[in-house]
Each structure stands twice: as structure tokens, then as C-alpha cells.
Amino acid sequence: MEHPEIIIVPIMFGVIFGIFYLFISARNKERLALIEKGAEASIFYGKKGRTSTWKVLVINLACLLMGIGLGIFIGGFFSDIVGMDEDIAMPGTILFTAGLGLFTGFLATKKLTADQ
């Protein structure tokens, strides 16, 4: 075979399709079993007062992007003013502050869900 990398794309799509198919079919079987036992349909829907997914996504994405921006700023400071090697200063500070941003987003989301 001249181009074995062509096989990778269908395999990736097949794996993704398989995961979604198994998830949906298992969920459907579980729901049918609960209905046969006489469970209420209200258990299939989310709880009232639950924080919406898009709010959590926006908070975490905003904190991540602010962390990356702060990391670029601090990395530039380290490389220009302090004299650190740019190949070390930039990735190190970007990854560190991005992690701090994600942790801050987690704490903000935790506080948001605790208030409701």
C-alpha cells in the first residue's frame, strides 16, 4: 500500500461512531428497563435549578483564555526583562497560568452550582 495513512481517517470515524452508538443504545436499554419496572419519567430529565451547561462552559473557557493571555504576558516579561531563555519562559508560563485559569474556572463553577 502506498498511502497507509488513508486508513486512519475511516478508523477514527468508526471509533467515534461506535462510542456514540454504544452510549445511546445503553442509555435506551436502561430507560426501557426502568419504564418496565414502573419508574417515573421525571428521572430522565435534569433537575430543576441545575446550572446550564453553557454557563459552565463559558466560565471555564473565559478563565482558560485569560490564563493563556496572562501566561503570554508573563512569559514575555521573563524573556525580555529578566533575561530567561524564551524557549523555556513562554511555554512554562503559558501552561502554568492556563492551569491556574482552569482551576479558577472550576472553583467559580463550584461556587455557581452551590448557590443554586
PDB file of N, CA and C in Angstrom:
ATOM      1  N   MET A   1       0.835  -1.180   0.000  1.00  0.00           N
ATOM      2  CA  MET A   1       0.000   0.000   0.000  1.00  0.00           C
ATOM      3  C   MET A   1       0.878   1.239   0.000  1.00  0.00           C
ATOM      4  N   GLU A   2       0.541   2.146  -0.891  1.00  0.00           N
ATOM      5  CA  GLU A   2       1.326   3.364  -0.986  1.00  0.00           C
ATOM      6  C   GLU A   2       0.975   4.381   0.092  1.00  0.00           C
ATOM      7  N   HIS A   3      -0.285   4.492   0.455  1.00  0.00           N
ATOM      8  CA  HIS A   3      -0.752   5.509   1.402  1.00  0.00           C
ATOM      9  C   HIS A   3      -1.488   4.859   2.576  1.00  0.00           C
ATOM     10  N   PRO A   4      -0.752   4.330   3.531  1.00  0.00           N
ATOM     11  CA  PRO A   4      -1.448   3.684   4.669  1.00  0.00           C
ATOM     12  C   PRO A   4      -2.140   4.684   5.592  1.00  0.00           C
ATOM     13  N   GLU A   5      -1.786   5.973   5.501  1.00  0.00           N
ATOM     14  CA  GLU A   5      -2.428   6.954   6.368  1.00  0.00           C
ATOM     15  C   GLU A   5      -3.887   7.200   5.987  1.00  0.00           C
ATOM     16  N   ILE A   6      -4.294   6.786   4.800  1.00  0.00           N
ATOM     17  CA  ILE A   6      -5.685   6.948   4.370  1.00  0.00           C
ATOM     18  C   ILE A   6      -6.603   6.070   5.217  1.00  0.00           C
ATOM     19  N   ILE A   7      -6.104   4.985   5.735  1.00  0.00           N
ATOM     20  CA  ILE A   7      -6.908   4.058   6.542  1.00  0.00           C
ATOM     21  C   ILE A   7      -7.225   4.662   7.910  1.00  0.00           C
ATOM     22  N   ILE A   8      -6.399   5.564   8.387  1.00  0.00           N
ATOM     23  CA  ILE A   8      -6.567   6.117   9.732  1.00  0.00           C
ATOM     24  C   ILE A   8      -7.872   6.905   9.859  1.00  0.00           C
ATOM     25  N   VAL A   9      -8.230   7.677   8.858  1.00  0.00           N
ATOM     26  CA  VAL A   9      -9.430   8.524   8.935  1.00  0.00           C
ATOM     27  C   VAL A   9     -10.702   7.691   9.075  1.00  0.00           C
ATOM     28  N   PRO A  10     -10.925   6.661   8.250  1.00  0.00           N
ATOM     29  CA  PRO A  10     -12.139   5.858   8.472  1.00  0.00           C
ATOM     30  C   PRO A  10     -12.142   5.129   9.818  1.00  0.00           C
ATOM     31  N   ILE A  11     -10.979   4.710  10.274  1.00  0.00           N
ATOM     32  CA  ILE A  11     -10.916   4.045  11.578  1.00  0.00           C
ATOM     33  C   ILE A  11     -11.314   5.019  12.677  1.00  0.00           C
ATOM     34  N   MET A  12     -10.834   6.265  12.607  1.00  0.00           N
ATOM     35  CA  MET A  12     -11.194   7.267  13.623  1.00  0.00           C
ATOM     36  C   MET A  12     -12.691   7.526  13.613  1.00  0.00           C
ATOM     37  N   PHE A  13     -13.283   7.693  12.430  1.00  0.00           N
ATOM     38  CA  PHE A  13     -14.720   7.918  12.354  1.00  0.00           C
ATOM     39  C   PHE A  13     -15.490   6.701  12.860  1.00  0.00           C
ATOM     40  N   GLY A  14     -15.000   5.505  12.573  1.00  0.00           N
ATOM     41  CA  GLY A  14     -15.650   4.300  13.053  1.00  0.00           C
ATOM     42  C   GLY A  14     -15.617   4.194  14.571  1.00  0.00           C
ATOM     43  N   VAL A  15     -14.497   4.549  15.167  1.00  0.00           N
ATOM     44  CA  VAL A  15     -14.387   4.508  16.622  1.00  0.00           C
ATOM     45  C   VAL A  15     -15.336   5.517  17.256  1.00  0.00           C
ATOM     46  N   ILE A  16     -15.376   6.732  16.718  1.00  0.00           N
ATOM     47  CA  ILE A  16     -16.271   7.757  17.258  1.00  0.00           C
ATOM     48  C   ILE A  16     -17.727   7.330  17.105  1.00  0.00           C
ATOM     49  N   PHE A  17     -18.077   6.786  15.939  1.00  0.00           N
ATOM     50  CA  PHE A  17     -19.441   6.308  15.739  1.00  0.00           C
ATOM     51  C   PHE A  17     -19.764   5.177  16.711  1.00  0.00           C
ATOM     52  N   GLY A  18     -18.827   4.256  16.912  1.00  0.00           N
ATOM     53  CA  GLY A  18     -19.052   3.144  17.825  1.00  0.00           C
ATOM     54  C   GLY A  18     -19.286   3.597  19.253  1.00  0.00           C
ATOM     55  N   ILE A  19     -18.523   4.582  19.698  1.00  0.00           N
ATOM     56  CA  ILE A  19     -18.692   5.096  21.053  1.00  0.00           C
ATOM     57  C   ILE A  19     -20.070   5.722  21.219  1.00  0.00           C
ATOM     58  N   PHE A  20     -20.482   6.564  20.269  1.00  0.00           N
ATOM     59  CA  PHE A  20     -21.799   7.181  20.366  1.00  0.00           C
ATOM     60  C   PHE A  20     -22.912   6.146  20.275  1.00  0.00           C
ATOM     61  N   TYR A  21     -22.749   5.157  19.404  1.00  0.00           N
ATOM     62  CA  TYR A  21     -23.775   4.120  19.269  1.00  0.00           C
ATOM     63  C   TYR A  21     -23.926   3.337  20.569  1.00  0.00           C
ATOM     64  N   LEU A  22     -22.803   2.943  21.169  1.00  0.00           N
ATOM     65  CA  LEU A  22     -22.880   2.208  22.433  1.00  0.00           C
ATOM     66  C   LEU A  22     -23.485   3.055  23.540  1.00  0.00           C
ATOM     67  N   PHE A  23     -23.135   4.328  23.589  1.00  0.00           N
ATOM     68  CA  PHE A  23     -23.687   5.214  24.616  1.00  0.00           C
ATOM     69  C   PHE A  23     -25.197   5.340  24.470  1.00  0.00           C
ATOM     70  N   ILE A  24     -25.674   5.585  23.261  1.00  0.00           N
ATOM     71  CA  ILE A  24     -27.103   5.803  23.038  1.00  0.00           C
ATOM     72  C   ILE A  24     -27.881   4.504  23.220  1.00  0.00           C
ATOM     73  N   SER A  25     -27.344   3.386  22.722  1.00  0.00           N
ATOM     74  CA  SER A  25     -28.090   2.134  22.873  1.00  0.00           C
ATOM     75  C   SER A  25     -28.131   1.685  24.333  1.00  0.00           C
ATOM     76  N   ALA A  26     -27.048   1.884  25.076  1.00  0.00           N
ATOM     77  CA  ALA A  26     -27.065   1.513  26.500  1.00  0.00           C
ATOM     78  C   ALA A  26     -28.031   2.397  27.274  1.00  0.00           C
ATOM     79  N   ARG A  27     -28.066   3.680  26.947  1.00  0.00           N
ATOM     80  CA  ARG A  27     -28.995   4.592  27.623  1.00  0.00           C
ATOM     81  C   ARG A  27     -30.442   4.201  27.312  1.00  0.00           C
ATOM     82  N   ASN A  28     -30.694   3.827  26.068  1.00  0.00           N
ATOM     83  CA  ASN A  28     -32.040   3.441  25.677  1.00  0.00           C
ATOM     84  C   ASN A  28     -32.475   2.165  26.406  1.00  0.00           C
ATOM     85  N   LYS A  29     -31.569   1.184  26.494  1.00  0.00           N
ATOM     86  CA  LYS A  29     -31.903  -0.063  27.194  1.00  0.00           C
ATOM     87  C   LYS A  29     -32.162   0.205  28.675  1.00  0.00           C
ATOM     88  N   GLU A  30     -31.361   1.073  29.269  1.00  0.00           N
ATOM     89  CA  GLU A  30     -31.543   1.398  30.681  1.00  0.00           C
ATOM     90  C   GLU A  30     -32.890   2.076  30.917  1.00  0.00           C
ATOM     91  N   ARG A  31     -33.254   2.975  30.052  1.00  0.00           N
ATOM     92  CA  ARG A  31     -34.542   3.666  30.198  1.00  0.00           C
ATOM     93  C   ARG A  31     -35.714   2.712  30.004  1.00  0.00           C
ATOM     94  N   LEU A  32     -35.598   1.821  29.027  1.00  0.00           N
ATOM     95  CA  LEU A  32     -36.672   0.850  28.818  1.00  0.00           C
ATOM     96  C   LEU A  32     -36.830  -0.054  30.034  1.00  0.00           C
ATOM     97  N   ALA A  33     -35.724  -0.467  30.637  1.00  0.00           N
ATOM     98  CA  ALA A  33     -35.803  -1.315  31.830  1.00  0.00           C
ATOM     99  C   ALA A  33     -36.459  -0.565  32.985  1.00  0.00           C
ATOM    100  N   LEU A  34     -36.151   0.708  33.144  1.00  0.00           N
ATOM    101  CA  LEU A  34     -36.767   1.492  34.215  1.00  0.00           C
ATOM    102  C   LEU A  34     -38.255   1.699  33.971  1.00  0.00           C
ATOM    103  N   ILE A  35     -38.638   1.892  32.721  1.00  0.00           N
ATOM    104  CA  ILE A  35     -40.050   2.074  32.398  1.00  0.00           C
ATOM    105  C   ILE A  35     -40.828   0.783  32.669  1.00  0.00           C
ATOM    106  N   GLU A  36     -40.210  -0.367  32.338  1.00  0.00           N
ATOM    107  CA  GLU A  36     -40.877  -1.652  32.590  1.00  0.00           C
ATOM    108  C   GLU A  36     -41.104  -1.884  34.079  1.00  0.00           C
ATOM    109  N   LYS A  37     -40.209  -1.366  34.906  1.00  0.00           N
ATOM    110  CA  LYS A  37     -40.357  -1.532  36.354  1.00  0.00           C
ATOM    111  C   LYS A  37     -41.293  -0.495  36.959  1.00  0.00           C
ATOM    112  N   GLY A  38     -41.771   0.454  36.145  1.00  0.00           N
ATOM    113  CA  GLY A  38     -42.738   1.430  36.623  1.00  0.00           C
ATOM    114  C   GLY A  38     -42.127   2.700  37.185  1.00  0.00           C
ATOM    115  N   ALA A  39     -40.910   3.032  36.824  1.00  0.00           N
ATOM    116  CA  ALA A  39     -40.286   4.262  37.310  1.00  0.00           C
ATOM    117  C   ALA A  39     -40.909   5.465  36.616  1.00  0.00           C
ATOM    118  N   GLU A  40     -40.841   6.617  37.276  1.00  0.00           N
ATOM    119  CA  GLU A  40     -41.403   7.840  36.695  1.00  0.00           C
ATOM    120  C   GLU A  40     -40.518   8.352  35.571  1.00  0.00           C
ATOM    121  N   ALA A  41     -41.123   9.050  34.634  1.00  0.00           N
ATOM    122  CA  ALA A  41     -40.370   9.603  33.516  1.00  0.00           C
ATOM    123  C   ALA A  41     -39.567  10.831  33.923  1.00  0.00           C
ATOM    124  N   SER A  42     -39.860  11.400  35.079  1.00  0.00           N
ATOM    125  CA  SER A  42     -39.165  12.612  35.506  1.00  0.00           C
ATOM    126  C   SER A  42     -37.687  12.356  35.805  1.00  0.00           C
ATOM    127  N   ILE A  43     -37.296  11.097  36.041  1.00  0.00           N
ATOM    128  CA  ILE A  43     -35.887  10.830  36.325  1.00  0.00           C
ATOM    129  C   ILE A  43     -35.010  10.961  35.090  1.00  0.00           C
ATOM    130  N   PHE A  44     -35.623  10.995  33.900  1.00  0.00           N
ATOM    131  CA  PHE A  44     -34.850  11.125  32.675  1.00  0.00           C
ATOM    132  C   PHE A  44     -34.478  12.571  32.374  1.00  0.00           C
ATOM    133  N   TYR A  45     -35.093  13.503  33.032  1.00  0.00           N
ATOM    134  CA  TYR A  45     -34.845  14.919  32.768  1.00  0.00           C
ATOM    135  C   TYR A  45     -34.008  15.503  33.884  1.00  0.00           C
ATOM    136  N   GLY A  46     -33.324  16.597  33.581  1.00  0.00           N
ATOM    137  CA  GLY A  46     -32.450  17.222  34.566  1.00  0.00           C
ATOM    138  C   GLY A  46     -33.224  17.797  35.735  1.00  0.00           C
ATOM    139  N   LYS A  47     -32.512  18.040  36.803  1.00  0.00           N
ATOM    140  CA  LYS A  47     -33.131  18.603  37.992  1.00  0.00           C
ATOM    141  C   LYS A  47     -33.438  20.075  37.769  1.00  0.00           C
ATOM    142  N   LYS A  48     -34.484  20.541  38.374  1.00  0.00           N
ATOM    143  CA  LYS A  48     -34.816  21.963  38.309  1.00  0.00           C
ATOM    144  C   LYS A  48     -33.779  22.734  39.112  1.00  0.00           C
ATOM    145  N   GLY A  49     -33.407  23.906  38.634  1.00  0.00           N
ATOM    146  CA  GLY A  49     -32.440  24.727  39.339  1.00  0.00           C
ATOM    147  C   GLY A  49     -30.994  24.333  39.063  1.00  0.00           C
ATOM    148  N   ARG A  50     -30.781  23.420  38.148  1.00  0.00           N
ATOM    149  CA  ARG A  50     -29.433  22.996  37.814  1.00  0.00           C
ATOM    150  C   ARG A  50     -28.787  24.038  36.912  1.00  0.00           C
ATOM    151  N   THR A  51     -27.514  24.274  37.080  1.00  0.00           N
ATOM    152  CA  THR A  51     -26.799  25.251  36.268  1.00  0.00           C
ATOM    153  C   THR A  51     -26.715  24.750  34.837  1.00  0.00           C
ATOM    154  N   SER A  52     -27.002  25.628  33.891  1.00  0.00           N
ATOM    155  CA  SER A  52     -26.972  25.211  32.497  1.00  0.00           C
ATOM    156  C   SER A  52     -25.531  24.975  32.036  1.00  0.00           C
ATOM    157  N   THR A  53     -25.404  24.098  31.082  1.00  0.00           N
ATOM    158  CA  THR A  53     -24.087  23.689  30.605  1.00  0.00           C
ATOM    159  C   THR A  53     -23.346  24.833  29.948  1.00  0.00           C
ATOM    160  N   TRP A  54     -24.058  25.696  29.243  1.00  0.00           N
ATOM    161  CA  TRP A  54     -23.359  26.755  28.521  1.00  0.00           C
ATOM    162  C   TRP A  54     -22.739  27.768  29.479  1.00  0.00           C
ATOM    163  N   LYS A  55     -23.360  27.991  30.637  1.00  0.00           N
ATOM    164  CA  LYS A  55     -22.760  28.901  31.612  1.00  0.00           C
ATOM    165  C   LYS A  55     -21.453  28.338  32.141  1.00  0.00           C
ATOM    166  N   VAL A  56     -21.433  27.062  32.450  1.00  0.00           N
ATOM    167  CA  VAL A  56     -20.222  26.413  32.937  1.00  0.00           C
ATOM    168  C   VAL A  56     -19.142  26.452  31.863  1.00  0.00           C
ATOM    169  N   LEU A  57     -19.523  26.184  30.617  1.00  0.00           N
ATOM    170  CA  LEU A  57     -18.565  26.201  29.508  1.00  0.00           C
ATOM    171  C   LEU A  57     -17.981  27.589  29.304  1.00  0.00           C
ATOM    172  N   VAL A  58     -18.822  28.612  29.354  1.00  0.00           N
ATOM    173  CA  VAL A  58     -18.353  29.977  29.153  1.00  0.00           C
ATOM    174  C   VAL A  58     -17.411  30.407  30.279  1.00  0.00           C
ATOM    175  N   ILE A  59     -17.758  30.066  31.522  1.00  0.00           N
ATOM    176  CA  ILE A  59     -16.894  30.431  32.653  1.00  0.00           C
ATOM    177  C   ILE A  59     -15.529  29.766  32.516  1.00  0.00           C
ATOM    178  N   ASN A  60     -15.519  28.465  32.242  1.00  0.00           N
ATOM    179  CA  ASN A  60     -14.251  27.747  32.130  1.00  0.00           C
ATOM    180  C   ASN A  60     -13.435  28.210  30.928  1.00  0.00           C
ATOM    181  N   LEU A  61     -14.077  28.464  29.804  1.00  0.00           N
ATOM    182  CA  LEU A  61     -13.363  28.939  28.619  1.00  0.00           C
ATOM    183  C   LEU A  61     -12.798  30.332  28.838  1.00  0.00           C
ATOM    184  N   ALA A  62     -13.562  31.204  29.495  1.00  0.00           N
ATOM    185  CA  ALA A  62     -13.081  32.558  29.771  1.00  0.00           C
ATOM    186  C   ALA A  62     -11.875  32.528  30.708  1.00  0.00           C
ATOM    187  N   CYS A  63     -11.946  31.711  31.744  1.00  0.00           N
ATOM    188  CA  CYS A  63     -10.806  31.617  32.672  1.00  0.00           C
ATOM    189  C   CYS A  63      -9.591  31.016  31.979  1.00  0.00           C
ATOM    190  N   LEU A  64      -9.797  30.034  31.111  1.00  0.00           N
ATOM    191  CA  LEU A  64      -8.679  29.441  30.373  1.00  0.00           C
ATOM    192  C   LEU A  64      -8.020  30.462  29.460  1.00  0.00           C
ATOM    193  N   LEU A  65      -8.817  31.206  28.705  1.00  0.00           N
ATOM    194  CA  LEU A  65      -8.245  32.189  27.784  1.00  0.00           C
ATOM    195  C   LEU A  65      -7.562  33.332  28.521  1.00  0.00           C
ATOM    196  N   MET A  66      -8.118  33.752  29.652  1.00  0.00           N
ATOM    197  CA  MET A  66      -7.447  34.782  30.447  1.00  0.00           C
ATOM    198  C   MET A  66      -6.128  34.254  31.002  1.00  0.00           C
ATOM    199  N   GLY A  67      -6.102  32.987  31.394  1.00  0.00           N
ATOM    200  CA  GLY A  67      -4.865  32.392  31.873  1.00  0.00           C
ATOM    201  C   GLY A  67      -3.811  32.309  30.789  1.00  0.00           C
ATOM    202  N   ILE A  68      -4.216  31.953  29.569  1.00  0.00           N
ATOM    203  CA  ILE A  68      -3.269  31.895  28.459  1.00  0.00           C
ATOM    204  C   ILE A  68      -2.729  33.283  28.145  1.00  0.00           C
ATOM    205  N   GLY A  69      -3.613  34.286  28.115  1.00  0.00           N
ATOM    206  CA  GLY A  69      -3.165  35.658  27.867  1.00  0.00           C
ATOM    207  C   GLY A  69      -2.204  36.153  28.928  1.00  0.00           C
ATOM    208  N   LEU A  70      -2.509  35.872  30.179  1.00  0.00           N
ATOM    209  CA  LEU A  70      -1.616  36.252  31.269  1.00  0.00           C
ATOM    210  C   LEU A  70      -0.285  35.509  31.160  1.00  0.00           C
ATOM    211  N   GLY A  71      -0.318  34.259  30.744  1.00  0.00           N
ATOM    212  CA  GLY A  71       0.910  33.491  30.562  1.00  0.00           C
ATOM    213  C   GLY A  71       1.791  34.060  29.469  1.00  0.00           C
ATOM    214  N   ILE A  72       1.195  34.512  28.382  1.00  0.00           N
ATOM    215  CA  ILE A  72       1.970  35.144  27.311  1.00  0.00           C
ATOM    216  C   ILE A  72       2.598  36.433  27.817  1.00  0.00           C
ATOM    217  N   PHE A  73       1.834  37.205  28.559  1.00  0.00           N
ATOM    218  CA  PHE A  73       2.364  38.464  29.115  1.00  0.00           C
ATOM    219  C   PHE A  73       3.519  38.201  30.077  1.00  0.00           C
ATOM    220  N   ILE A  74       3.336  37.277  31.005  1.00  0.00           N
ATOM    221  CA  ILE A  74       4.390  36.978  31.981  1.00  0.00           C
ATOM    222  C   ILE A  74       5.598  36.333  31.302  1.00  0.00           C
ATOM    223  N   GLY A  75       5.363  35.471  30.320  1.00  0.00           N
ATOM    224  CA  GLY A  75       6.471  34.862  29.576  1.00  0.00           C
ATOM    225  C   GLY A  75       7.287  35.892  28.829  1.00  0.00           C
ATOM    226  N   GLY A  76       6.608  36.884  28.231  1.00  0.00           N
ATOM    227  CA  GLY A  76       7.330  37.975  27.580  1.00  0.00           C
ATOM    228  C   GLY A  76       8.128  38.794  28.574  1.00  0.00           C
ATOM    229  N   PHE A  77       7.550  39.008  29.749  1.00  0.00           N
ATOM    230  CA  PHE A  77       8.269  39.724  30.802  1.00  0.00           C
ATOM    231  C   PHE A  77       9.522  38.965  31.215  1.00  0.00           C
ATOM    232  N   PHE A  78       9.380  37.658  31.425  1.00  0.00           N
ATOM    233  CA  PHE A  78      10.528  36.852  31.826  1.00  0.00           C
ATOM    234  C   PHE A  78      11.613  36.826  30.757  1.00  0.00           C
ATOM    235  N   SER A  79      11.227  36.718  29.502  1.00  0.00           N
ATOM    236  CA  SER A  79      12.236  36.609  28.451  1.00  0.00           C
ATOM    237  C   SER A  79      12.898  37.949  28.137  1.00  0.00           C
ATOM    238  N   ASP A  80      12.146  39.048  28.195  1.00  0.00           N
ATOM    239  CA  ASP A  80      12.719  40.342  27.833  1.00  0.00           C
ATOM    240  C   ASP A  80      13.418  41.028  28.998  1.00  0.00           C
ATOM    241  N   ILE A  81      12.765  41.103  30.141  1.00  0.00           N
ATOM    242  CA  ILE A  81      13.303  41.896  31.239  1.00  0.00           C
ATOM    243  C   ILE A  81      14.206  41.061  32.150  1.00  0.00           C
ATOM    244  N   VAL A  82      13.767  39.866  32.490  1.00  0.00           N
ATOM    245  CA  VAL A  82      14.561  39.035  33.393  1.00  0.00           C
ATOM    246  C   VAL A  82      15.719  38.382  32.649  1.00  0.00           C
ATOM    247  N   GLY A  83      15.562  38.129  31.360  1.00  0.00           N
ATOM    248  CA  GLY A  83      16.632  37.552  30.549  1.00  0.00           C
ATOM    249  C   GLY A  83      16.587  36.041  30.451  1.00  0.00           C
ATOM    250  N   MET A  84      15.451  35.423  30.770  1.00  0.00           N
ATOM    251  CA  MET A  84      15.329  33.966  30.629  1.00  0.00           C
ATOM    252  C   MET A  84      15.274  33.594  29.156  1.00  0.00           C
ATOM    253  N   ASP A  85      15.629  32.350  28.867  1.00  0.00           N
ATOM    254  CA  ASP A  85      15.532  31.842  27.508  1.00  0.00           C
ATOM    255  C   ASP A  85      14.052  31.782  27.116  1.00  0.00           C
ATOM    256  N   GLU A  86      13.715  32.321  25.951  1.00  0.00           N
ATOM    257  CA  GLU A  86      12.314  32.396  25.530  1.00  0.00           C
ATOM    258  C   GLU A  86      11.708  31.017  25.314  1.00  0.00           C
ATOM    259  N   ASP A  87      12.534  30.047  24.909  1.00  0.00           N
ATOM    260  CA  ASP A  87      12.031  28.693  24.694  1.00  0.00           C
ATOM    261  C   ASP A  87      11.594  28.021  25.986  1.00  0.00           C
ATOM    262  N   ILE A  88      12.076  28.512  27.097  1.00  0.00           N
ATOM    263  CA  ILE A  88      11.675  27.963  28.402  1.00  0.00           C
ATOM    264  C   ILE A  88      10.594  28.825  29.042  1.00  0.00           C
ATOM    265  N   ALA A  89      10.752  30.139  28.957  1.00  0.00           N
ATOM    266  CA  ALA A  89       9.850  31.052  29.658  1.00  0.00           C
ATOM    267  C   ALA A  89       8.425  31.010  29.103  1.00  0.00           C
ATOM    268  N   MET A  90       8.279  31.045  27.788  1.00  0.00           N
ATOM    269  CA  MET A  90       6.940  31.138  27.200  1.00  0.00           C
ATOM    270  C   MET A  90       6.086  29.882  27.443  1.00  0.00           C
ATOM    271  N   PRO A  91       6.527  28.686  27.056  1.00  0.00           N
ATOM    272  CA  PRO A  91       5.660  27.523  27.293  1.00  0.00           C
ATOM    273  C   PRO A  91       5.400  27.268  28.777  1.00  0.00           C
ATOM    274  N   GLY A  92       6.419  27.471  29.593  1.00  0.00           N
ATOM    275  CA  GLY A  92       6.252  27.227  31.018  1.00  0.00           C
ATOM    276  C   GLY A  92       5.204  28.119  31.647  1.00  0.00           C
ATOM    277  N   THR A  93       5.280  29.403  31.371  1.00  0.00           N
ATOM    278  CA  THR A  93       4.316  30.317  31.985  1.00  0.00           C
ATOM    279  C   THR A  93       2.933  30.180  31.359  1.00  0.00           C
ATOM    280  N   ILE A  94       2.871  29.914  30.065  1.00  0.00           N
ATOM    281  CA  ILE A  94       1.562  29.746  29.421  1.00  0.00           C
ATOM    282  C   ILE A  94       0.843  28.528  29.992  1.00  0.00           C
ATOM    283  N   LEU A  95       1.538  27.409  30.096  1.00  0.00           N
ATOM    284  CA  LEU A  95       0.900  26.202  30.626  1.00  0.00           C
ATOM    285  C   LEU A  95       0.541  26.358  32.100  1.00  0.00           C
ATOM    286  N   PHE A  96       1.425  26.998  32.871  1.00  0.00           N
ATOM    287  CA  PHE A  96       1.146  27.180  34.295  1.00  0.00           C
ATOM    288  C   PHE A  96      -0.067  28.076  34.510  1.00  0.00           C
ATOM    289  N   THR A  97      -0.124  29.206  33.834  1.00  0.00           N
ATOM    290  CA  THR A  97      -1.256  30.112  34.036  1.00  0.00           C
ATOM    291  C   THR A  97      -2.539  29.572  33.403  1.00  0.00           C
ATOM    292  N   ALA A  98      -2.430  28.776  32.335  1.00  0.00           N
ATOM    293  CA  ALA A  98      -3.629  28.138  31.780  1.00  0.00           C
ATOM    294  C   ALA A  98      -4.197  27.153  32.793  1.00  0.00           C
ATOM    295  N   GLY A  99      -3.326  26.414  33.468  1.00  0.00           N
ATOM    296  CA  GLY A  99      -3.785  25.510  34.525  1.00  0.00           C
ATOM    297  C   GLY A  99      -4.418  26.264  35.672  1.00  0.00           C
ATOM    298  N   LEU A 100      -3.823  27.380  36.060  1.00  0.00           N
ATOM    299  CA  LEU A 100      -4.429  28.213  37.104  1.00  0.00           C
ATOM    300  C   LEU A 100      -5.789  28.744  36.667  1.00  0.00           C
ATOM    301  N   GLY A 101      -5.888  29.115  35.385  1.00  0.00           N
ATOM    302  CA  GLY A 101      -7.169  29.590  34.866  1.00  0.00           C
ATOM    303  C   GLY A 101      -8.231  28.512  34.900  1.00  0.00           C
ATOM    304  N   LEU A 102      -7.866  27.285  34.542  1.00  0.00           N
ATOM    305  CA  LEU A 102      -8.834  26.185  34.608  1.00  0.00           C
ATOM    306  C   LEU A 102      -9.236  25.886  36.043  1.00  0.00           C
ATOM    307  N   PHE A 103      -8.283  25.953  36.961  1.00  0.00           N
ATOM    308  CA  PHE A 103      -8.611  25.738  38.371  1.00  0.00           C
ATOM    309  C   PHE A 103      -9.527  26.841  38.888  1.00  0.00           C
ATOM    310  N   THR A 104      -9.273  28.073  38.483  1.00  0.00           N
ATOM    311  CA  THR A 104     -10.142  29.192  38.866  1.00  0.00           C
ATOM    312  C   THR A 104     -11.547  28.996  38.291  1.00  0.00           C
ATOM    313  N   GLY A 105     -11.628  28.542  37.039  1.00  0.00           N
ATOM    314  CA  GLY A 105     -12.926  28.256  36.436  1.00  0.00           C
ATOM    315  C   GLY A 105     -13.663  27.155  37.170  1.00  0.00           C
ATOM    316  N   PHE A 106     -12.921  26.140  37.614  1.00  0.00           N
ATOM    317  CA  PHE A 106     -13.536  25.060  38.389  1.00  0.00           C
ATOM    318  C   PHE A 106     -14.106  25.600  39.696  1.00  0.00           C
ATOM    319  N   LEU A 107     -13.328  26.438  40.390  1.00  0.00           N
ATOM    320  CA  LEU A 107     -13.810  26.998  41.648  1.00  0.00           C
ATOM    321  C   LEU A 107     -15.017  27.909  41.430  1.00  0.00           C
ATOM    322  N   ALA A 108     -14.997  28.700  40.347  1.00  0.00           N
ATOM    323  CA  ALA A 108     -16.132  29.580  40.050  1.00  0.00           C
ATOM    324  C   ALA A 108     -17.377  28.759  39.716  1.00  0.00           C
ATOM    325  N   THR A 109     -17.205  27.671  38.967  1.00  0.00           N
ATOM    326  CA  THR A 109     -18.333  26.805  38.637  1.00  0.00           C
ATOM    327  C   THR A 109     -18.877  26.127  39.883  1.00  0.00           C
ATOM    328  N   LYS A 110     -17.969  25.695  40.755  1.00  0.00           N
ATOM    329  CA  LYS A 110     -18.395  25.050  42.002  1.00  0.00           C
ATOM    330  C   LYS A 110     -19.207  26.029  42.853  1.00  0.00           C
ATOM    331  N   LYS A 111     -18.758  27.278  42.906  1.00  0.00           N
ATOM    332  CA  LYS A 111     -19.491  28.293  43.674  1.00  0.00           C
ATOM    333  C   LYS A 111     -20.841  28.586  43.019  1.00  0.00           C
ATOM    334  N   LEU A 112     -20.877  28.635  41.694  1.00  0.00           N
ATOM    335  CA  LEU A 112     -22.117  28.908  40.978  1.00  0.00           C
ATOM    336  C   LEU A 112     -23.146  27.805  41.225  1.00  0.00           C
ATOM    337  N   THR A 113     -22.704  26.562  41.200  1.00  0.00           N
ATOM    338  CA  THR A 113     -23.651  25.456  41.406  1.00  0.00           C
ATOM    339  C   THR A 113     -24.056  25.338  42.869  1.00  0.00           C
ATOM    340  N   ALA A 114     -23.186  25.769  43.800  1.00  0.00           N
ATOM    341  CA  ALA A 114     -23.528  25.706  45.229  1.00  0.00           C
ATOM    342  C   ALA A 114     -24.566  26.765  45.585  1.00  0.00           C
ATOM    343  N   ASP A 115     -24.581  27.882  44.877  1.00  0.00           N
ATOM    344  CA  ASP A 115     -25.532  28.957  45.156  1.00  0.00           C
ATOM    345  C   ASP A 115     -26.947  28.606  44.746  1.00  0.00           C
ATOM    346  N   GLN A 116     -27.110  27.651  43.860  1.00  0.00           N
ATOM    347  CA  GLN A 116     -28.447  27.327  43.371  1.00  0.00           C
ATOM    348  C   GLN A 116     -29.096  26.226  44.135  1.00  0.00           C
TER     349      GLN A 116
END
